[in-house]
Amino acid sequence: MEKDRNARIIAIVALVLAVAGVSIGFAVLSTNLTIEPIDASVKANDDLFTVYFSNKDSEYSTGEVTPTLSESDDPEFTGNTITIEDKSTTLSGIGGTFTEPGQTITYTLGVSNLSKLRAYLNEVIFENVDGTDSKVKCESVNTNGNGLDEGSLKTACDAIKVSIIFDNNRVFTSNAKGTCVEAIPAKTNQPGMKKVIVKITYDDNAIPTTGDFKATFGKIKLIYQTESTSIC
């Protein structure tokens, strides 16, 4: 019995030592797995940033925009109705016919942000009329022999002004960077919207002309970007 008992003790001790030996063996073995640095490039998709004109300032919409005219009894004082197409980034046809100083033609429309990024108006650019070094070009219209001489035409031309108005208080009549105009919100359930007003004014202090003339303005560009450059 004693021999058997000793044998069992030896076996148990030997088993324990054997297990301990295996455990130590696993503990000193190791393998390193390494993930090298990875270059992940993201290319911006121009379609992700979409800002368009709208014929309404409350929602993205297309169709006609009829200008508001200042009070006048003259039926020849008119403003052109323009049409905004789908996904339009250009307005054309804005203008009209003035008959006396003090008259204004006003277009109220919207700028719509259909993207998931905020849109910042960072620059307003009043370009020269094509082929000239001037923001506005005037031509005398000889109606019934009533043309304007060069001096009278220049005086009359200087009295016609165009302004772009945002938020009902930010007025631009010349080039501007860092506009400090509040950003157009990103699209959520509905597109982000911003009201913009285009106003053409015949200065009420202008000297009435004795003949007809036509004023043509250069392009006006509104530069929207995803980051603001304004310091306000």
C-alpha atoms as a PDB file:
ATOM      1  CA  MET A   1       0.000   0.000   0.000  1.00  0.00           C
ATOM      2  CA  GLU A   2       2.760   2.385   0.871  1.00  0.00           C
ATOM      3  CA  LYS A   3       4.478   1.656  -2.413  1.00  0.00           C
ATOM      4  CA  ASP A   4       1.259   2.268  -4.296  1.00  0.00           C
ATOM      5  CA  ARG A   5       0.629   5.461  -2.407  1.00  0.00           C
ATOM      6  CA  ASN A   6       4.109   6.713  -3.206  1.00  0.00           C
ATOM      7  CA  ALA A   7       3.613   5.828  -6.814  1.00  0.00           C
ATOM      8  CA  ARG A   8       0.415   7.871  -6.926  1.00  0.00           C
ATOM      9  CA  ILE A   9       2.158  10.822  -5.298  1.00  0.00           C
ATOM     10  CA  ILE A  10       5.003  10.627  -7.791  1.00  0.00           C
ATOM     11  CA  ALA A  11       2.562  10.378 -10.656  1.00  0.00           C
ATOM     12  CA  ILE A  12       0.587  13.354  -9.468  1.00  0.00           C
ATOM     13  CA  VAL A  13       3.666  15.444  -8.887  1.00  0.00           C
ATOM     14  CA  ALA A  14       5.065  14.410 -12.209  1.00  0.00           C
ATOM     15  CA  LEU A  15       1.763  15.329 -13.917  1.00  0.00           C
ATOM     16  CA  VAL A  16       1.699  18.698 -12.222  1.00  0.00           C
ATOM     17  CA  LEU A  17       5.278  19.351 -13.185  1.00  0.00           C
ATOM     18  CA  ALA A  18       4.544  18.271 -16.717  1.00  0.00           C
ATOM     19  CA  VAL A  19       1.600  20.664 -17.007  1.00  0.00           C
ATOM     20  CA  ALA A  20       3.673  23.419 -15.473  1.00  0.00           C
ATOM     21  CA  GLY A  21       6.380  22.697 -17.968  1.00  0.00           C
ATOM     22  CA  VAL A  22       3.932  22.937 -20.897  1.00  0.00           C
ATOM     23  CA  SER A  23       2.445  26.173 -19.550  1.00  0.00           C
ATOM     24  CA  ILE A  24       5.848  27.771 -19.272  1.00  0.00           C
ATOM     25  CA  GLY A  25       6.606  26.612 -22.755  1.00  0.00           C
ATOM     26  CA  PHE A  26       3.540  28.400 -24.199  1.00  0.00           C
ATOM     27  CA  ALA A  27       4.263  31.525 -22.204  1.00  0.00           C
ATOM     28  CA  VAL A  28       7.655  32.101 -23.795  1.00  0.00           C
ATOM     29  CA  LEU A  29       6.407  31.602 -27.358  1.00  0.00           C
ATOM     30  CA  SER A  30       5.079  34.719 -29.157  1.00  0.00           C
ATOM     31  CA  THR A  31       4.108  35.929 -32.587  1.00  0.00           C
ATOM     32  CA  ASN A  32       3.901  39.607 -33.612  1.00  0.00           C
ATOM     33  CA  LEU A  33       1.253  40.724 -36.121  1.00  0.00           C
ATOM     34  CA  THR A  34       1.947  44.166 -37.607  1.00  0.00           C
ATOM     35  CA  ILE A  35      -0.250  46.448 -39.711  1.00  0.00           C
ATOM     36  CA  GLU A  36       1.881  48.839 -41.700  1.00  0.00           C
ATOM     37  CA  PRO A  37       0.837  52.551 -42.065  1.00  0.00           C
ATOM     38  CA  ILE A  38      -2.002  52.900 -44.591  1.00  0.00           C
ATOM     39  CA  ASP A  39      -2.624  55.801 -46.955  1.00  0.00           C
ATOM     40  CA  ALA A  40      -6.365  56.327 -47.372  1.00  0.00           C
ATOM     41  CA  SER A  41      -7.266  59.015 -49.908  1.00  0.00           C
ATOM     42  CA  VAL A  42     -10.672  60.680 -50.150  1.00  0.00           C
ATOM     43  CA  LYS A  43     -11.495  62.497 -53.387  1.00  0.00           C
ATOM     44  CA  ALA A  44     -14.161  65.166 -53.141  1.00  0.00           C
ATOM     45  CA  ASN A  45     -17.093  64.664 -55.459  1.00  0.00           C
ATOM     46  CA  ASP A  46     -18.234  67.933 -57.030  1.00  0.00           C
ATOM     47  CA  ASP A  47     -21.779  66.573 -57.037  1.00  0.00           C
ATOM     48  CA  LEU A  48     -21.712  66.612 -53.233  1.00  0.00           C
ATOM     49  CA  PHE A  49     -21.802  70.432 -53.249  1.00  0.00           C
ATOM     50  CA  THR A  50     -24.740  71.765 -55.234  1.00  0.00           C
ATOM     51  CA  VAL A  51     -25.979  75.339 -54.938  1.00  0.00           C
ATOM     52  CA  TYR A  52     -28.605  76.620 -57.386  1.00  0.00           C
ATOM     53  CA  PHE A  53     -30.891  79.560 -57.991  1.00  0.00           C
ATOM     54  CA  SER A  54     -34.553  79.174 -57.089  1.00  0.00           C
ATOM     55  CA  ASN A  55     -37.580  81.235 -58.083  1.00  0.00           C
ATOM     56  CA  LYS A  56     -38.718  81.135 -54.437  1.00  0.00           C
ATOM     57  CA  ASP A  57     -36.785  82.058 -51.306  1.00  0.00           C
ATOM     58  CA  SER A  58     -38.621  79.565 -49.063  1.00  0.00           C
ATOM     59  CA  GLU A  59     -38.027  76.340 -51.017  1.00  0.00           C
ATOM     60  CA  TYR A  60     -36.169  75.036 -54.035  1.00  0.00           C
ATOM     61  CA  SER A  61     -38.368  75.687 -57.030  1.00  0.00           C
ATOM     62  CA  THR A  62     -38.142  76.531 -60.718  1.00  0.00           C
ATOM     63  CA  GLY A  63     -40.210  78.789 -62.924  1.00  0.00           C
ATOM     64  CA  GLU A  64     -40.791  82.451 -63.611  1.00  0.00           C
ATOM     65  CA  VAL A  65     -39.739  85.417 -61.498  1.00  0.00           C
ATOM     66  CA  THR A  66     -41.690  88.617 -62.118  1.00  0.00           C
ATOM     67  CA  PRO A  67     -39.956  91.725 -60.781  1.00  0.00           C
ATOM     68  CA  THR A  68     -41.527  94.293 -58.490  1.00  0.00           C
ATOM     69  CA  LEU A  69     -41.616  97.822 -59.917  1.00  0.00           C
ATOM     70  CA  SER A  70     -41.574 101.016 -57.910  1.00  0.00           C
ATOM     71  CA  GLU A  71     -44.767 103.019 -58.066  1.00  0.00           C
ATOM     72  CA  SER A  72     -45.283 104.707 -61.406  1.00  0.00           C
ATOM     73  CA  ASP A  73     -48.132 105.726 -63.680  1.00  0.00           C
ATOM     74  CA  ASP A  74     -46.072 105.298 -66.821  1.00  0.00           C
ATOM     75  CA  PRO A  75     -47.038 102.101 -68.703  1.00  0.00           C
ATOM     76  CA  GLU A  76     -43.721 102.133 -70.572  1.00  0.00           C
ATOM     77  CA  PHE A  77     -41.831 101.552 -67.304  1.00  0.00           C
ATOM     78  CA  THR A  78     -41.429  97.761 -67.357  1.00  0.00           C
ATOM     79  CA  GLY A  79     -39.301  94.943 -65.944  1.00  0.00           C
ATOM     80  CA  ASN A  80     -38.405  91.704 -67.673  1.00  0.00           C
ATOM     81  CA  THR A  81     -39.865  88.462 -66.360  1.00  0.00           C
ATOM     82  CA  ILE A  82     -37.134  85.818 -66.108  1.00  0.00           C
ATOM     83  CA  THR A  83     -37.306  82.030 -65.940  1.00  0.00           C
ATOM     84  CA  ILE A  84     -35.195  79.868 -63.636  1.00  0.00           C
ATOM     85  CA  GLU A  85     -34.596  76.395 -64.988  1.00  0.00           C
ATOM     86  CA  ASP A  86     -33.850  73.262 -62.952  1.00  0.00           C
ATOM     87  CA  LYS A  87     -30.339  73.227 -61.452  1.00  0.00           C
ATOM     88  CA  SER A  88     -29.657  76.713 -62.744  1.00  0.00           C
ATOM     89  CA  THR A  89     -26.426  78.468 -61.786  1.00  0.00           C
ATOM     90  CA  THR A  90     -26.988  81.399 -64.153  1.00  0.00           C
ATOM     91  CA  LEU A  91     -29.635  84.111 -64.311  1.00  0.00           C
ATOM     92  CA  SER A  92     -30.260  85.820 -67.629  1.00  0.00           C
ATOM     93  CA  GLY A  93     -32.699  88.414 -68.866  1.00  0.00           C
ATOM     94  CA  ILE A  94     -32.735  90.615 -65.772  1.00  0.00           C
ATOM     95  CA  GLY A  95     -33.518  94.209 -66.704  1.00  0.00           C
ATOM     96  CA  GLY A  96     -36.222  96.447 -68.042  1.00  0.00           C
ATOM     97  CA  THR A  97     -37.084  99.891 -69.335  1.00  0.00           C
ATOM     98  CA  PHE A  98     -36.911 103.011 -67.156  1.00  0.00           C
ATOM     99  CA  THR A  99     -38.698 106.212 -68.075  1.00  0.00           C
ATOM    100  CA  GLU A 100     -37.686 108.603 -65.287  1.00  0.00           C
ATOM    101  CA  PRO A 101     -35.285 108.956 -62.327  1.00  0.00           C
ATOM    102  CA  GLY A 102     -36.265 107.331 -59.027  1.00  0.00           C
ATOM    103  CA  GLN A 103     -37.590 104.124 -60.536  1.00  0.00           C
ATOM    104  CA  THR A 104     -36.449 100.674 -59.364  1.00  0.00           C
ATOM    105  CA  ILE A 105     -36.818  97.136 -60.681  1.00  0.00           C
ATOM    106  CA  THR A 106     -36.479  94.481 -57.977  1.00  0.00           C
ATOM    107  CA  TYR A 107     -36.141  90.698 -58.287  1.00  0.00           C
ATOM    108  CA  THR A 108     -36.628  88.565 -55.172  1.00  0.00           C
ATOM    109  CA  LEU A 109     -35.482  84.974 -55.474  1.00  0.00           C
ATOM    110  CA  GLY A 110     -33.625  82.278 -53.600  1.00  0.00           C
ATOM    111  CA  VAL A 111     -30.304  80.506 -53.484  1.00  0.00           C
ATOM    112  CA  SER A 112     -30.804  76.855 -52.623  1.00  0.00           C
ATOM    113  CA  ASN A 113     -28.275  74.494 -51.036  1.00  0.00           C
ATOM    114  CA  LEU A 114     -29.102  70.909 -52.022  1.00  0.00           C
ATOM    115  CA  SER A 115     -25.968  69.402 -50.474  1.00  0.00           C
ATOM    116  CA  LYS A 116     -25.126  68.113 -46.999  1.00  0.00           C
ATOM    117  CA  LEU A 117     -22.424  70.775 -46.576  1.00  0.00           C
ATOM    118  CA  ARG A 118     -22.897  74.352 -45.430  1.00  0.00           C
ATOM    119  CA  ALA A 119     -22.498  76.919 -48.230  1.00  0.00           C
ATOM    120  CA  TYR A 120     -20.557  80.123 -47.500  1.00  0.00           C
ATOM    121  CA  LEU A 121     -20.734  83.159 -49.773  1.00  0.00           C
ATOM    122  CA  ASN A 122     -17.061  84.095 -49.819  1.00  0.00           C
ATOM    123  CA  GLU A 123     -16.969  86.522 -52.715  1.00  0.00           C
ATOM    124  CA  VAL A 124     -19.149  88.734 -54.899  1.00  0.00           C
ATOM    125  CA  ILE A 125     -17.617  89.701 -58.237  1.00  0.00           C
ATOM    126  CA  PHE A 126     -18.967  92.427 -60.520  1.00  0.00           C
ATOM    127  CA  GLU A 127     -17.297  91.750 -63.849  1.00  0.00           C
ATOM    128  CA  ASN A 128     -16.738  94.228 -66.651  1.00  0.00           C
ATOM    129  CA  VAL A 129     -18.998  94.137 -69.667  1.00  0.00           C
ATOM    130  CA  ASP A 130     -17.447  91.829 -72.258  1.00  0.00           C
ATOM    131  CA  GLY A 131     -14.964  93.702 -74.420  1.00  0.00           C
ATOM    132  CA  THR A 132     -14.859  96.780 -72.181  1.00  0.00           C
ATOM    133  CA  ASP A 133     -13.113  98.026 -69.029  1.00  0.00           C
ATOM    134  CA  SER A 134     -16.382  99.142 -67.453  1.00  0.00           C
ATOM    135  CA  LYS A 135     -19.005  97.504 -65.239  1.00  0.00           C
ATOM    136  CA  VAL A 136     -21.810  99.045 -67.284  1.00  0.00           C
ATOM    137  CA  LYS A 137     -22.134  99.964 -70.941  1.00  0.00           C
ATOM    138  CA  CYS A 138     -24.737 102.433 -72.195  1.00  0.00           C
ATOM    139  CA  GLU A 139     -25.963 102.994 -75.708  1.00  0.00           C
ATOM    140  CA  SER A 140     -28.162 105.742 -77.026  1.00  0.00           C
ATOM    141  CA  VAL A 141     -31.382 104.513 -78.592  1.00  0.00           C
ATOM    142  CA  ASN A 142     -32.414 106.958 -81.286  1.00  0.00           C
ATOM    143  CA  THR A 143     -36.194 107.027 -81.014  1.00  0.00           C
ATOM    144  CA  ASN A 144     -37.965 109.575 -83.219  1.00  0.00           C
ATOM    145  CA  GLY A 145     -34.671 111.400 -83.630  1.00  0.00           C
ATOM    146  CA  ASN A 146     -34.151 111.808 -79.883  1.00  0.00           C
ATOM    147  CA  GLY A 147     -30.640 110.446 -79.451  1.00  0.00           C
ATOM    148  CA  LEU A 148     -28.226 111.371 -76.675  1.00  0.00           C
ATOM    149  CA  ASP A 149     -24.826 112.948 -77.172  1.00  0.00           C
ATOM    150  CA  GLU A 150     -21.792 111.313 -75.550  1.00  0.00           C
ATOM    151  CA  GLY A 151     -21.717 113.600 -72.495  1.00  0.00           C
ATOM    152  CA  SER A 152     -25.422 113.219 -71.744  1.00  0.00           C
ATOM    153  CA  LEU A 153     -25.181 109.468 -72.247  1.00  0.00           C
ATOM    154  CA  LYS A 154     -22.342 109.132 -69.719  1.00  0.00           C
ATOM    155  CA  THR A 155     -24.210 111.202 -67.136  1.00  0.00           C
ATOM    156  CA  ALA A 156     -27.321 109.088 -67.587  1.00  0.00           C
ATOM    157  CA  CYS A 157     -25.344 105.861 -67.497  1.00  0.00           C
ATOM    158  CA  ASP A 158     -23.713 106.767 -64.176  1.00  0.00           C
ATOM    159  CA  ALA A 159     -27.187 107.054 -62.650  1.00  0.00           C
ATOM    160  CA  ILE A 160     -28.063 103.384 -63.235  1.00  0.00           C
ATOM    161  CA  LYS A 161     -26.943 101.106 -60.383  1.00  0.00           C
ATOM    162  CA  VAL A 162     -27.226  97.405 -59.630  1.00  0.00           C
ATOM    163  CA  SER A 163     -27.114  96.028 -56.092  1.00  0.00           C
ATOM    164  CA  ILE A 164     -27.231  92.520 -54.611  1.00  0.00           C
ATOM    165  CA  ILE A 165     -28.874  92.242 -51.203  1.00  0.00           C
ATOM    166  CA  PHE A 166     -28.683  89.334 -48.714  1.00  0.00           C
ATOM    167  CA  ASP A 167     -30.463  88.907 -45.392  1.00  0.00           C
ATOM    168  CA  ASN A 168     -32.271  92.182 -46.145  1.00  0.00           C
ATOM    169  CA  ASN A 169     -29.281  94.161 -44.895  1.00  0.00           C
ATOM    170  CA  ARG A 170     -26.060  93.067 -46.610  1.00  0.00           C
ATOM    171  CA  VAL A 171     -25.850  95.183 -49.759  1.00  0.00           C
ATOM    172  CA  PHE A 172     -23.183  94.765 -52.433  1.00  0.00           C
ATOM    173  CA  THR A 173     -22.662  97.196 -55.299  1.00  0.00           C
ATOM    174  CA  SER A 174     -19.040  96.329 -56.081  1.00  0.00           C
ATOM    175  CA  ASN A 175     -16.543  93.495 -55.659  1.00  0.00           C
ATOM    176  CA  ALA A 176     -16.331  92.075 -52.140  1.00  0.00           C
ATOM    177  CA  LYS A 177     -14.350  89.316 -50.436  1.00  0.00           C
ATOM    178  CA  GLY A 178     -15.168  87.912 -47.029  1.00  0.00           C
ATOM    179  CA  THR A 179     -18.808  88.921 -47.302  1.00  0.00           C
ATOM    180  CA  CYS A 180     -19.863  87.995 -43.746  1.00  0.00           C
ATOM    181  CA  VAL A 181     -23.182  86.801 -45.133  1.00  0.00           C
ATOM    182  CA  GLU A 182     -24.643  84.013 -42.992  1.00  0.00           C
ATOM    183  CA  ALA A 183     -24.053  80.568 -44.510  1.00  0.00           C
ATOM    184  CA  ILE A 184     -26.798  78.640 -46.244  1.00  0.00           C
ATOM    185  CA  PRO A 185     -27.600  75.637 -44.014  1.00  0.00           C
ATOM    186  CA  ALA A 186     -26.928  72.144 -45.295  1.00  0.00           C
ATOM    187  CA  LYS A 187     -29.824  70.130 -46.625  1.00  0.00           C
ATOM    188  CA  THR A 188     -31.703  68.084 -44.045  1.00  0.00           C
ATOM    189  CA  ASN A 189     -35.272  67.143 -44.916  1.00  0.00           C
ATOM    190  CA  GLN A 190     -35.453  70.229 -47.120  1.00  0.00           C
ATOM    191  CA  PRO A 191     -32.766  72.188 -48.998  1.00  0.00           C
ATOM    192  CA  GLY A 192     -31.107  75.055 -47.155  1.00  0.00           C
ATOM    193  CA  MET A 193     -32.372  78.408 -48.462  1.00  0.00           C
ATOM    194  CA  LYS A 194     -31.208  82.010 -48.579  1.00  0.00           C
ATOM    195  CA  LYS A 195     -33.093  85.019 -49.935  1.00  0.00           C
ATOM    196  CA  VAL A 196     -31.270  87.174 -52.467  1.00  0.00           C
ATOM    197  CA  ILE A 197     -32.537  90.403 -54.000  1.00  0.00           C
ATOM    198  CA  VAL A 198     -31.307  91.915 -57.253  1.00  0.00           C
ATOM    199  CA  LYS A 199     -32.221  95.592 -57.536  1.00  0.00           C
ATOM    200  CA  ILE A 200     -31.698  97.929 -60.477  1.00  0.00           C
ATOM    201  CA  THR A 201     -32.066 101.601 -59.598  1.00  0.00           C
ATOM    202  CA  TYR A 202     -32.323 104.760 -61.674  1.00  0.00           C
ATOM    203  CA  ASP A 203     -30.974 107.347 -59.239  1.00  0.00           C
ATOM    204  CA  ASP A 204     -33.695 109.783 -58.181  1.00  0.00           C
ATOM    205  CA  ASN A 205     -31.147 112.630 -58.274  1.00  0.00           C
ATOM    206  CA  ALA A 206     -30.352 111.990 -61.920  1.00  0.00           C
ATOM    207  CA  ILE A 207     -31.097 114.618 -64.548  1.00  0.00           C
ATOM    208  CA  PRO A 208     -33.952 113.417 -66.781  1.00  0.00           C
ATOM    209  CA  THR A 209     -32.729 112.612 -70.287  1.00  0.00           C
ATOM    210  CA  THR A 210     -34.109 113.969 -73.514  1.00  0.00           C
ATOM    211  CA  GLY A 211     -33.587 110.669 -75.289  1.00  0.00           C
ATOM    212  CA  ASP A 212     -33.728 106.932 -74.742  1.00  0.00           C
ATOM    213  CA  PHE A 213     -30.722 104.797 -73.795  1.00  0.00           C
ATOM    214  CA  LYS A 214     -29.933 101.194 -72.929  1.00  0.00           C
ATOM    215  CA  ALA A 215     -27.657 100.079 -70.056  1.00  0.00           C
ATOM    216  CA  THR A 216     -25.907  96.697 -70.095  1.00  0.00           C
ATOM    217  CA  PHE A 217     -24.131  95.353 -67.030  1.00  0.00           C
ATOM    218  CA  GLY A 218     -21.341  92.819 -66.742  1.00  0.00           C
ATOM    219  CA  LYS A 219     -21.823  89.443 -65.111  1.00  0.00           C
ATOM    220  CA  ILE A 220     -22.191  89.282 -61.353  1.00  0.00           C
ATOM    221  CA  LYS A 221     -20.756  86.135 -59.781  1.00  0.00           C
ATOM    222  CA  LEU A 222     -21.610  84.768 -56.344  1.00  0.00           C
ATOM    223  CA  ILE A 223     -18.801  82.484 -55.145  1.00  0.00           C
ATOM    224  CA  TYR A 224     -20.028  79.818 -52.720  1.00  0.00           C
ATOM    225  CA  GLN A 225     -17.619  77.458 -50.950  1.00  0.00           C
ATOM    226  CA  THR A 226     -17.731  74.838 -48.218  1.00  0.00           C
ATOM    227  CA  GLU A 227     -15.442  76.810 -45.884  1.00  0.00           C
ATOM    228  CA  SER A 228     -15.709  80.431 -44.859  1.00  0.00           C
ATOM    229  CA  THR A 229     -12.944  82.934 -45.636  1.00  0.00           C
ATOM    230  CA  SER A 230     -14.692  85.772 -43.774  1.00  0.00           C
ATOM    231  CA  ILE A 231     -13.369  87.370 -40.623  1.00  0.00           C
ATOM    232  CA  CYS A 232     -16.432  88.982 -39.078  1.00  0.00           C
END
